Amino acid sequence: MKTSRLLVSILLLITATEYVHSQNNTNHFEIEVDPIAYIFKGYSGHFGYQLGKVRLDAGAFNIDQPAFFINNDKFKNRSYGYGLKADYIFKKRKGFFVGLQTDYTKDRLTLKNTGREKTTQGLFFGVRGGYRFMLGAKERDYRGLYIAPWVALTYSANAKHVIIDEQVFRQARYGIFPTVHIGYSF
């Protein structure tokens, strides 16, 4: 029964996608990943939908934060969660973009010398900007692969000082998050 529902859902999605493209509509779906998350023993997956020059994105992530990023060599930090983004793209599908994002994140902080852990959770809000390099041909409306380097300035609504065995980990209230996403535009 579950397999039948999944199969019907997939067929409806494919049919709807084909219908939208047959209407010569500029709206389209996208999928993308953040390869940096995979480098740091995690994952990142996003689904996007572009309506004219506005792009909406929903994604999930999981990453071992690199030591240079957390500025505290006594701790490890495993971050995971999900987020929403809304961007304005200045040209059709490609070029510069600016946007807003919000993420719900859990951080599993581990004191390296004892292995003791604490988990925190909270909301992040941010502004972001970047550039979309479309690798698809102009004749195909730039459908295909793309690369999107971007940077976000974030605010943590729930930043804390976490204490494990008298060692303090100070979560940053403000942050800079640079990355590169690779995606496919349908």
N, C-alpha and C. Protein backbone atom coordinates (compact mmCIF):
# COMPACT_ATOMS: atom_id res chain seq x y z
N MET A 1 0.82 -1.19 0.00
CA MET A 1 0.00 0.00 0.00
C MET A 1 0.87 1.26 0.00
N LYS A 2 1.89 1.29 0.88
CA LYS A 2 2.78 2.44 0.93
C LYS A 2 3.53 2.61 -0.38
N THR A 3 3.94 1.49 -0.99
CA THR A 3 4.65 1.55 -2.27
C THR A 3 3.76 2.13 -3.35
N SER A 4 2.49 1.76 -3.36
CA SER A 4 1.54 2.28 -4.35
C SER A 4 1.37 3.78 -4.20
N ARG A 5 1.24 4.25 -2.96
CA ARG A 5 1.10 5.70 -2.72
C ARG A 5 2.34 6.45 -3.18
N LEU A 6 3.51 5.90 -2.88
CA LEU A 6 4.75 6.54 -3.30
C LEU A 6 4.84 6.60 -4.82
N LEU A 7 4.51 5.51 -5.49
CA LEU A 7 4.56 5.47 -6.95
C LEU A 7 3.59 6.46 -7.56
N VAL A 8 2.36 6.53 -7.05
CA VAL A 8 1.38 7.49 -7.54
C VAL A 8 1.87 8.92 -7.31
N SER A 9 2.45 9.19 -6.14
CA SER A 9 2.96 10.53 -5.84
C SER A 9 4.07 10.92 -6.80
N ILE A 10 4.98 10.01 -7.08
CA ILE A 10 6.08 10.30 -8.01
C ILE A 10 5.53 10.57 -9.40
N LEU A 11 4.59 9.76 -9.86
CA LEU A 11 4.01 9.96 -11.19
C LEU A 11 3.28 11.30 -11.28
N LEU A 12 2.55 11.67 -10.23
CA LEU A 12 1.87 12.97 -10.23
C LEU A 12 2.87 14.12 -10.26
N LEU A 13 3.96 14.00 -9.52
CA LEU A 13 4.98 15.04 -9.53
C LEU A 13 5.61 15.18 -10.91
N ILE A 14 5.95 14.07 -11.54
CA ILE A 14 6.54 14.11 -12.89
C ILE A 14 5.55 14.73 -13.86
N THR A 15 4.28 14.33 -13.80
CA THR A 15 3.26 14.87 -14.69
C THR A 15 3.09 16.37 -14.48
N ALA A 16 3.03 16.80 -13.23
CA ALA A 16 2.88 18.23 -12.93
C ALA A 16 4.07 19.03 -13.43
N THR A 17 5.27 18.48 -13.24
CA THR A 17 6.49 19.17 -13.70
C THR A 17 6.48 19.31 -15.21
N GLU A 18 6.12 18.24 -15.92
CA GLU A 18 6.06 18.30 -17.38
C GLU A 18 4.99 19.28 -17.85
N TYR A 19 3.87 19.33 -17.16
CA TYR A 19 2.80 20.25 -17.52
C TYR A 19 3.28 21.70 -17.38
N VAL A 20 3.94 22.00 -16.26
CA VAL A 20 4.43 23.36 -16.03
C VAL A 20 5.40 23.77 -17.14
N HIS A 21 6.31 22.88 -17.51
CA HIS A 21 7.28 23.22 -18.56
C HIS A 21 6.62 23.32 -19.93
N SER A 22 5.58 22.56 -20.19
CA SER A 22 4.92 22.62 -21.49
C SER A 22 4.14 23.92 -21.65
N GLN A 23 3.84 24.62 -20.57
CA GLN A 23 3.10 25.87 -20.63
C GLN A 23 4.02 27.07 -20.88
N ASN A 24 5.29 26.81 -21.20
CA ASN A 24 6.28 27.87 -21.43
C ASN A 24 6.33 28.82 -20.23
N ASN A 25 6.31 28.26 -19.08
CA ASN A 25 6.29 28.98 -17.82
C ASN A 25 7.73 29.10 -17.30
N THR A 26 8.06 30.22 -16.69
CA THR A 26 9.41 30.38 -16.15
C THR A 26 9.55 29.77 -14.77
N ASN A 27 8.46 29.37 -14.14
CA ASN A 27 8.53 28.73 -12.82
C ASN A 27 9.13 27.34 -12.98
N HIS A 28 9.94 26.93 -12.01
CA HIS A 28 10.58 25.61 -12.12
C HIS A 28 11.07 25.12 -10.77
N PHE A 29 11.33 23.81 -10.72
CA PHE A 29 11.87 23.16 -9.54
C PHE A 29 13.38 23.06 -9.64
N GLU A 30 14.03 22.98 -8.47
CA GLU A 30 15.48 22.77 -8.41
C GLU A 30 15.81 21.85 -7.23
N ILE A 31 16.91 21.15 -7.34
CA ILE A 31 17.46 20.40 -6.22
C ILE A 31 18.92 20.82 -6.07
N GLU A 32 19.42 20.85 -4.85
CA GLU A 32 20.82 21.22 -4.66
C GLU A 32 21.38 20.62 -3.39
N VAL A 33 22.71 20.54 -3.36
CA VAL A 33 23.45 20.03 -2.21
C VAL A 33 24.57 21.00 -1.88
N ASP A 34 25.07 20.89 -0.66
CA ASP A 34 26.23 21.64 -0.22
C ASP A 34 27.37 20.64 -0.07
N PRO A 35 28.30 20.57 -1.02
CA PRO A 35 29.36 19.55 -0.95
C PRO A 35 30.26 19.71 0.27
N ILE A 36 30.34 20.90 0.83
CA ILE A 36 31.19 21.12 2.01
C ILE A 36 30.67 20.30 3.19
N ALA A 37 29.35 20.16 3.31
CA ALA A 37 28.77 19.34 4.39
C ALA A 37 29.24 17.89 4.26
N TYR A 38 29.32 17.37 3.05
CA TYR A 38 29.76 15.99 2.84
C TYR A 38 31.24 15.84 3.19
N ILE A 39 32.03 16.87 2.89
CA ILE A 39 33.46 16.84 3.23
C ILE A 39 33.64 16.71 4.75
N PHE A 40 32.76 17.36 5.51
CA PHE A 40 32.84 17.34 6.97
C PHE A 40 31.87 16.33 7.58
N LYS A 41 31.79 15.15 6.97
CA LYS A 41 31.05 13.99 7.50
C LYS A 41 29.57 14.26 7.74
N GLY A 42 28.94 14.98 6.84
CA GLY A 42 27.53 15.27 6.99
C GLY A 42 26.79 15.15 5.68
N TYR A 43 25.70 15.88 5.59
CA TYR A 43 24.92 15.92 4.36
C TYR A 43 24.20 17.26 4.29
N SER A 44 23.70 17.57 3.12
CA SER A 44 22.90 18.76 2.90
C SER A 44 22.07 18.52 1.65
N GLY A 45 20.78 18.68 1.76
CA GLY A 45 19.90 18.52 0.61
C GLY A 45 18.82 19.58 0.63
N HIS A 46 18.54 20.15 -0.54
CA HIS A 46 17.58 21.24 -0.64
C HIS A 46 16.68 21.06 -1.85
N PHE A 47 15.42 21.43 -1.69
CA PHE A 47 14.47 21.50 -2.79
C PHE A 47 14.10 22.96 -2.96
N GLY A 48 14.16 23.43 -4.21
CA GLY A 48 13.81 24.82 -4.48
C GLY A 48 12.72 24.93 -5.52
N TYR A 49 12.02 26.05 -5.47
CA TYR A 49 11.02 26.36 -6.50
C TYR A 49 11.16 27.83 -6.82
N GLN A 50 11.33 28.14 -8.10
CA GLN A 50 11.50 29.53 -8.51
C GLN A 50 10.24 30.01 -9.21
N LEU A 51 9.71 31.14 -8.72
CA LEU A 51 8.54 31.80 -9.29
C LEU A 51 9.01 33.14 -9.84
N GLY A 52 9.22 33.23 -11.14
CA GLY A 52 9.76 34.46 -11.70
C GLY A 52 11.17 34.69 -11.17
N LYS A 53 11.37 35.79 -10.47
CA LYS A 53 12.69 36.10 -9.91
C LYS A 53 12.81 35.77 -8.42
N VAL A 54 11.78 35.15 -7.86
CA VAL A 54 11.79 34.76 -6.45
C VAL A 54 11.99 33.26 -6.36
N ARG A 55 12.95 32.86 -5.52
CA ARG A 55 13.24 31.43 -5.34
C ARG A 55 13.01 31.07 -3.87
N LEU A 56 12.25 30.01 -3.64
CA LEU A 56 11.98 29.49 -2.30
C LEU A 56 12.73 28.18 -2.14
N ASP A 57 13.23 27.91 -0.95
CA ASP A 57 14.08 26.74 -0.72
C ASP A 57 13.76 26.16 0.65
N ALA A 58 13.69 24.84 0.70
CA ALA A 58 13.57 24.13 1.98
C ALA A 58 14.63 23.04 1.98
N GLY A 59 15.36 22.92 3.09
CA GLY A 59 16.44 21.95 3.12
C GLY A 59 16.73 21.42 4.51
N ALA A 60 17.56 20.39 4.52
CA ALA A 60 18.02 19.76 5.76
C ALA A 60 19.53 19.61 5.70
N PHE A 61 20.18 19.63 6.86
CA PHE A 61 21.64 19.57 6.90
C PHE A 61 22.11 18.85 8.15
N ASN A 62 23.36 18.42 8.09
CA ASN A 62 24.02 17.73 9.20
C ASN A 62 25.52 17.84 8.93
N ILE A 63 26.30 18.31 9.89
CA ILE A 63 27.73 18.54 9.64
C ILE A 63 28.52 18.51 10.94
N ASP A 64 29.73 17.95 10.87
CA ASP A 64 30.70 18.13 11.95
C ASP A 64 31.36 19.48 11.71
N GLN A 65 31.11 20.43 12.58
CA GLN A 65 31.68 21.76 12.38
C GLN A 65 33.22 21.67 12.43
N PRO A 66 33.90 22.23 11.42
CA PRO A 66 35.36 22.20 11.45
C PRO A 66 35.90 23.02 12.63
N ALA A 67 37.04 22.61 13.15
CA ALA A 67 37.63 23.26 14.33
C ALA A 67 37.85 24.75 14.11
N PHE A 68 38.29 25.15 12.91
CA PHE A 68 38.55 26.57 12.65
C PHE A 68 37.27 27.39 12.69
N PHE A 69 36.13 26.74 12.56
CA PHE A 69 34.86 27.45 12.52
C PHE A 69 34.28 27.69 13.91
N ILE A 70 34.60 26.82 14.87
CA ILE A 70 33.99 26.97 16.20
C ILE A 70 34.90 27.68 17.21
N ASN A 71 36.17 27.85 16.89
CA ASN A 71 37.10 28.61 17.74
C ASN A 71 37.18 28.14 19.19
N ASN A 72 37.10 26.83 19.40
CA ASN A 72 37.28 26.29 20.74
C ASN A 72 37.78 24.86 20.58
N ASP A 73 39.09 24.68 20.74
CA ASP A 73 39.69 23.37 20.46
C ASP A 73 39.39 22.30 21.52
N LYS A 74 38.67 22.66 22.58
CA LYS A 74 38.32 21.68 23.61
C LYS A 74 37.02 20.94 23.29
N PHE A 75 36.28 21.44 22.28
CA PHE A 75 34.96 20.88 21.97
C PHE A 75 34.87 20.45 20.51
N LYS A 76 33.98 19.49 20.27
CA LYS A 76 33.50 19.15 18.93
C LYS A 76 32.05 19.60 18.87
N ASN A 77 31.61 19.99 17.67
CA ASN A 77 30.22 20.43 17.50
C ASN A 77 29.63 19.76 16.27
N ARG A 78 28.60 18.97 16.48
CA ARG A 78 27.84 18.36 15.38
C ARG A 78 26.54 19.13 15.27
N SER A 79 26.33 19.81 14.12
CA SER A 79 25.12 20.60 13.90
C SER A 79 24.20 19.90 12.92
N TYR A 80 22.90 19.92 13.21
CA TYR A 80 21.94 19.35 12.29
C TYR A 80 20.62 20.09 12.43
N GLY A 81 19.84 20.09 11.36
CA GLY A 81 18.57 20.78 11.40
C GLY A 81 17.98 20.96 10.02
N TYR A 82 17.13 21.97 9.90
CA TYR A 82 16.50 22.26 8.62
C TYR A 82 16.27 23.76 8.52
N GLY A 83 16.04 24.21 7.29
CA GLY A 83 15.88 25.64 7.11
C GLY A 83 15.03 26.00 5.91
N LEU A 84 14.66 27.27 5.87
CA LEU A 84 13.89 27.85 4.77
C LEU A 84 14.62 29.09 4.28
N LYS A 85 14.59 29.29 2.95
CA LYS A 85 15.22 30.45 2.35
C LYS A 85 14.28 31.06 1.32
N ALA A 86 14.36 32.37 1.15
CA ALA A 86 13.65 33.08 0.09
C ALA A 86 14.63 34.06 -0.52
N ASP A 87 14.84 33.95 -1.83
CA ASP A 87 15.82 34.79 -2.52
C ASP A 87 15.18 35.57 -3.65
N TYR A 88 15.77 36.72 -3.96
CA TYR A 88 15.43 37.48 -5.15
C TYR A 88 16.62 37.39 -6.09
N ILE A 89 16.39 36.86 -7.30
CA ILE A 89 17.45 36.71 -8.30
C ILE A 89 17.27 37.84 -9.31
N PHE A 90 18.32 38.60 -9.54
CA PHE A 90 18.22 39.80 -10.35
C PHE A 90 18.01 39.51 -11.84
N LYS A 91 18.46 38.35 -12.33
CA LYS A 91 18.22 37.94 -13.71
C LYS A 91 17.52 36.59 -13.69
N LYS A 92 16.97 36.22 -14.83
CA LYS A 92 16.26 34.94 -14.92
C LYS A 92 17.21 33.78 -14.65
N ARG A 93 17.00 33.08 -13.55
CA ARG A 93 17.73 31.89 -13.13
C ARG A 93 19.19 32.13 -12.73
N LYS A 94 19.86 33.14 -13.24
CA LYS A 94 21.31 33.25 -13.04
C LYS A 94 21.69 34.61 -12.48
N GLY A 95 22.95 34.71 -12.08
CA GLY A 95 23.47 35.99 -11.63
C GLY A 95 23.36 36.20 -10.13
N PHE A 96 23.45 37.46 -9.74
CA PHE A 96 23.43 37.83 -8.33
C PHE A 96 22.05 37.59 -7.71
N PHE A 97 22.07 37.23 -6.42
CA PHE A 97 20.83 37.09 -5.66
C PHE A 97 21.05 37.57 -4.23
N VAL A 98 19.97 37.99 -3.60
CA VAL A 98 19.95 38.34 -2.18
C VAL A 98 18.72 37.68 -1.57
N GLY A 99 18.79 37.43 -0.25
CA GLY A 99 17.64 36.77 0.35
C GLY A 99 17.68 36.73 1.86
N LEU A 100 16.67 36.05 2.38
CA LEU A 100 16.51 35.85 3.82
C LEU A 100 16.50 34.36 4.10
N GLN A 101 16.93 33.99 5.30
CA GLN A 101 16.89 32.58 5.68
C GLN A 101 16.57 32.45 7.15
N THR A 102 16.01 31.30 7.49
CA THR A 102 15.82 30.93 8.88
C THR A 102 16.11 29.44 9.01
N ASP A 103 16.75 29.07 10.10
CA ASP A 103 17.12 27.68 10.33
C ASP A 103 16.76 27.29 11.76
N TYR A 104 16.30 26.06 11.92
CA TYR A 104 16.17 25.46 13.23
C TYR A 104 17.34 24.48 13.34
N THR A 105 18.19 24.68 14.33
CA THR A 105 19.42 23.90 14.44
C THR A 105 19.57 23.29 15.82
N LYS A 106 20.07 22.07 15.85
CA LYS A 106 20.50 21.43 17.09
C LYS A 106 22.01 21.28 17.01
N ASP A 107 22.69 21.62 18.08
CA ASP A 107 24.14 21.45 18.18
C ASP A 107 24.43 20.43 19.27
N ARG A 108 25.13 19.37 18.91
CA ARG A 108 25.57 18.38 19.90
C ARG A 108 27.03 18.71 20.21
N LEU A 109 27.24 19.30 21.37
CA LEU A 109 28.58 19.72 21.80
C LEU A 109 29.21 18.61 22.63
N THR A 110 30.45 18.25 22.29
CA THR A 110 31.15 17.18 22.98
C THR A 110 32.48 17.71 23.49
N LEU A 111 32.72 17.55 24.78
CA LEU A 111 34.02 17.90 25.36
C LEU A 111 34.99 16.78 24.95
N LYS A 112 36.01 17.13 24.21
CA LYS A 112 36.90 16.13 23.60
C LYS A 112 37.58 15.21 24.62
N ASN A 113 38.07 15.76 25.72
CA ASN A 113 38.87 14.93 26.63
C ASN A 113 38.04 13.97 27.50
N THR A 114 36.72 14.20 27.62
CA THR A 114 35.89 13.30 28.43
C THR A 114 34.81 12.59 27.62
N GLY A 115 34.46 13.14 26.46
CA GLY A 115 33.38 12.57 25.66
C GLY A 115 31.99 12.95 26.15
N ARG A 116 31.91 13.75 27.20
CA ARG A 116 30.59 14.17 27.70
C ARG A 116 29.97 15.17 26.72
N GLU A 117 28.64 15.09 26.62
CA GLU A 117 27.92 15.87 25.61
C GLU A 117 26.76 16.66 26.21
N LYS A 118 26.42 17.73 25.51
CA LYS A 118 25.17 18.47 25.76
C LYS A 118 24.64 18.89 24.40
N THR A 119 23.32 18.90 24.30
CA THR A 119 22.68 19.32 23.05
C THR A 119 21.91 20.60 23.29
N THR A 120 22.09 21.56 22.39
CA THR A 120 21.33 22.80 22.44
C THR A 120 20.51 22.88 21.15
N GLN A 121 19.53 23.74 21.17
CA GLN A 121 18.72 23.94 19.97
C GLN A 121 18.33 25.39 19.89
N GLY A 122 18.04 25.84 18.67
CA GLY A 122 17.64 27.23 18.54
C GLY A 122 17.35 27.63 17.12
N LEU A 123 16.93 28.87 16.99
CA LEU A 123 16.60 29.46 15.70
C LEU A 123 17.69 30.42 15.25
N PHE A 124 17.97 30.38 13.97
CA PHE A 124 18.89 31.31 13.34
C PHE A 124 18.12 32.09 12.28
N PHE A 125 18.44 33.36 12.16
CA PHE A 125 17.88 34.22 11.12
C PHE A 125 19.04 34.86 10.39
N GLY A 126 18.87 35.09 9.09
CA GLY A 126 19.98 35.68 8.37
C GLY A 126 19.59 36.35 7.08
N VAL A 127 20.54 37.13 6.60
CA VAL A 127 20.47 37.70 5.25
C VAL A 127 21.60 37.06 4.47
N ARG A 128 21.38 36.86 3.19
CA ARG A 128 22.38 36.18 2.39
C ARG A 128 22.47 36.77 1.00
N GLY A 129 23.59 36.53 0.37
CA GLY A 129 23.77 36.97 -1.01
C GLY A 129 24.79 36.09 -1.70
N GLY A 130 24.67 36.00 -3.00
CA GLY A 130 25.59 35.16 -3.75
C GLY A 130 25.41 35.34 -5.23
N TYR A 131 25.92 34.38 -5.98
CA TYR A 131 25.89 34.41 -7.44
C TYR A 131 25.62 33.01 -7.95
N ARG A 132 24.73 32.90 -8.93
CA ARG A 132 24.39 31.61 -9.54
C ARG A 132 25.05 31.52 -10.92
N PHE A 133 25.97 30.56 -11.07
CA PHE A 133 26.60 30.27 -12.35
C PHE A 133 25.83 29.12 -12.99
N MET A 134 25.06 29.41 -14.03
CA MET A 134 24.26 28.40 -14.70
C MET A 134 25.11 27.74 -15.78
N LEU A 135 25.20 26.41 -15.74
CA LEU A 135 26.01 25.66 -16.70
C LEU A 135 25.17 25.15 -17.87
N GLY A 136 23.84 25.27 -17.78
CA GLY A 136 22.96 24.87 -18.87
C GLY A 136 22.98 25.91 -19.98
N ALA A 137 22.64 25.48 -21.18
CA ALA A 137 22.66 26.37 -22.35
C ALA A 137 21.52 27.38 -22.31
N LYS A 138 21.79 28.57 -22.83
CA LYS A 138 20.78 29.62 -22.89
C LYS A 138 19.57 29.15 -23.71
N GLU A 139 19.85 28.39 -24.78
CA GLU A 139 18.78 27.89 -25.64
C GLU A 139 17.84 26.95 -24.88
N ARG A 140 18.32 26.34 -23.84
CA ARG A 140 17.51 25.44 -23.00
C ARG A 140 17.01 26.17 -21.76
N ASP A 141 17.02 27.48 -21.79
CA ASP A 141 16.56 28.31 -20.67
C ASP A 141 17.40 28.06 -19.41
N TYR A 142 18.69 27.74 -19.62
CA TYR A 142 19.67 27.51 -18.54
C TYR A 142 19.33 26.32 -17.66
N ARG A 143 18.47 25.43 -18.15
CA ARG A 143 18.18 24.22 -17.38
C ARG A 143 19.45 23.38 -17.29
N GLY A 144 19.64 22.76 -16.16
CA GLY A 144 20.80 21.91 -15.97
C GLY A 144 21.54 22.26 -14.70
N LEU A 145 22.81 21.89 -14.67
CA LEU A 145 23.63 22.10 -13.48
C LEU A 145 23.92 23.58 -13.24
N TYR A 146 24.10 23.91 -11.96
CA TYR A 146 24.55 25.26 -11.60
C TYR A 146 25.40 25.19 -10.34
N ILE A 147 26.19 26.23 -10.15
CA ILE A 147 27.03 26.40 -8.96
C ILE A 147 26.66 27.74 -8.34
N ALA A 148 26.43 27.75 -7.03
CA ALA A 148 26.00 28.98 -6.36
C ALA A 148 26.81 29.23 -5.09
N PRO A 149 27.93 29.97 -5.20
CA PRO A 149 28.62 30.39 -3.97
C PRO A 149 27.82 31.51 -3.31
N TRP A 150 27.73 31.46 -1.97
CA TRP A 150 27.01 32.50 -1.25
C TRP A 150 27.54 32.63 0.16
N VAL A 151 27.15 33.74 0.79
CA VAL A 151 27.53 33.98 2.18
C VAL A 151 26.31 34.54 2.92
N ALA A 152 26.15 34.11 4.17
CA ALA A 152 25.05 34.60 5.00
C ALA A 152 25.60 35.26 6.25
N LEU A 153 24.95 36.30 6.67
CA LEU A 153 25.20 36.93 7.97
C LEU A 153 24.04 36.50 8.85
N THR A 154 24.36 35.79 9.96
CA THR A 154 23.31 35.16 10.75
C THR A 154 23.24 35.72 12.17
N TYR A 155 22.07 35.58 12.75
CA TYR A 155 21.81 35.95 14.13
C TYR A 155 21.19 34.74 14.82
N SER A 156 21.75 34.34 15.96
CA SER A 156 21.22 33.23 16.74
C SER A 156 20.34 33.77 17.85
N ALA A 157 19.07 33.41 17.80
CA ALA A 157 18.14 33.88 18.82
C ALA A 157 18.32 33.16 20.15
N ASN A 158 19.05 32.04 20.15
CA ASN A 158 19.16 31.23 21.36
C ASN A 158 20.61 30.94 21.75
N ALA A 159 21.55 31.80 21.40
CA ALA A 159 22.96 31.56 21.74
C ALA A 159 23.13 31.45 23.25
N LYS A 160 23.98 30.51 23.65
CA LYS A 160 24.17 30.24 25.08
C LYS A 160 25.65 30.05 25.40
N HIS A 161 25.94 30.06 26.68
CA HIS A 161 27.21 29.56 27.18
C HIS A 161 26.92 28.16 27.72
N VAL A 162 27.54 27.17 27.11
CA VAL A 162 27.31 25.78 27.51
C VAL A 162 28.49 25.33 28.35
N ILE A 163 28.21 24.76 29.53
CA ILE A 163 29.28 24.32 30.44
C ILE A 163 29.22 22.80 30.56
N ILE A 164 30.36 22.17 30.26
CA ILE A 164 30.52 20.73 30.45
C ILE A 164 31.81 20.53 31.26
N ASP A 165 31.71 19.91 32.41
CA ASP A 165 32.87 19.66 33.27
C ASP A 165 33.71 20.92 33.47
N GLU A 166 33.06 22.02 33.77
CA GLU A 166 33.68 23.31 34.04
C GLU A 166 34.35 23.96 32.83
N GLN A 167 34.22 23.37 31.66
CA GLN A 167 34.72 23.98 30.42
C GLN A 167 33.55 24.70 29.75
N VAL A 168 33.81 25.90 29.25
CA VAL A 168 32.74 26.73 28.69
C VAL A 168 32.86 26.81 27.17
N PHE A 169 31.75 26.54 26.51
CA PHE A 169 31.62 26.74 25.07
C PHE A 169 30.67 27.90 24.86
N ARG A 170 31.16 28.97 24.25
CA ARG A 170 30.34 30.16 24.02
C ARG A 170 29.79 30.14 22.59
N GLN A 171 28.50 29.96 22.47
CA GLN A 171 27.88 30.01 21.16
C GLN A 171 27.81 31.46 20.70
N ALA A 172 28.15 31.69 19.47
CA ALA A 172 28.17 33.05 18.92
C ALA A 172 26.75 33.54 18.66
N ARG A 173 26.48 34.77 19.01
CA ARG A 173 25.18 35.39 18.73
C ARG A 173 25.09 35.75 17.24
N TYR A 174 26.21 36.21 16.65
CA TYR A 174 26.25 36.60 15.23
C TYR A 174 27.29 35.74 14.53
N GLY A 175 27.06 35.48 13.27
CA GLY A 175 28.01 34.66 12.54
C GLY A 175 28.04 34.97 11.05
N ILE A 176 29.09 34.48 10.41
CA ILE A 176 29.24 34.55 8.96
C ILE A 176 29.30 33.12 8.46
N PHE A 177 28.47 32.79 7.48
CA PHE A 177 28.40 31.43 6.96
C PHE A 177 28.64 31.45 5.45
N PRO A 178 29.87 31.16 5.01
CA PRO A 178 30.13 31.07 3.57
C PRO A 178 30.03 29.62 3.10
N THR A 179 29.54 29.41 1.90
CA THR A 179 29.47 28.06 1.34
C THR A 179 29.29 28.11 -0.17
N VAL A 180 29.22 26.94 -0.76
CA VAL A 180 28.96 26.79 -2.20
C VAL A 180 27.94 25.66 -2.36
N HIS A 181 26.88 25.92 -3.10
CA HIS A 181 25.91 24.87 -3.40
C HIS A 181 26.02 24.48 -4.87
N ILE A 182 25.78 23.20 -5.14
CA ILE A 182 25.72 22.69 -6.50
C ILE A 182 24.32 22.15 -6.70
N GLY A 183 23.69 22.54 -7.81
CA GLY A 183 22.32 22.13 -8.00
C GLY A 183 21.98 21.80 -9.44
N TYR A 184 20.72 21.41 -9.61
CA TYR A 184 20.18 21.12 -10.94
C TYR A 184 18.86 21.83 -11.06
N SER A 185 18.72 22.62 -12.11
CA SER A 185 17.52 23.39 -12.37
C SER A 185 16.72 22.70 -13.47
N PHE A 186 15.46 22.37 -13.20
CA PHE A 186 14.62 21.65 -14.18
C PHE A 186 13.88 22.61 -15.08
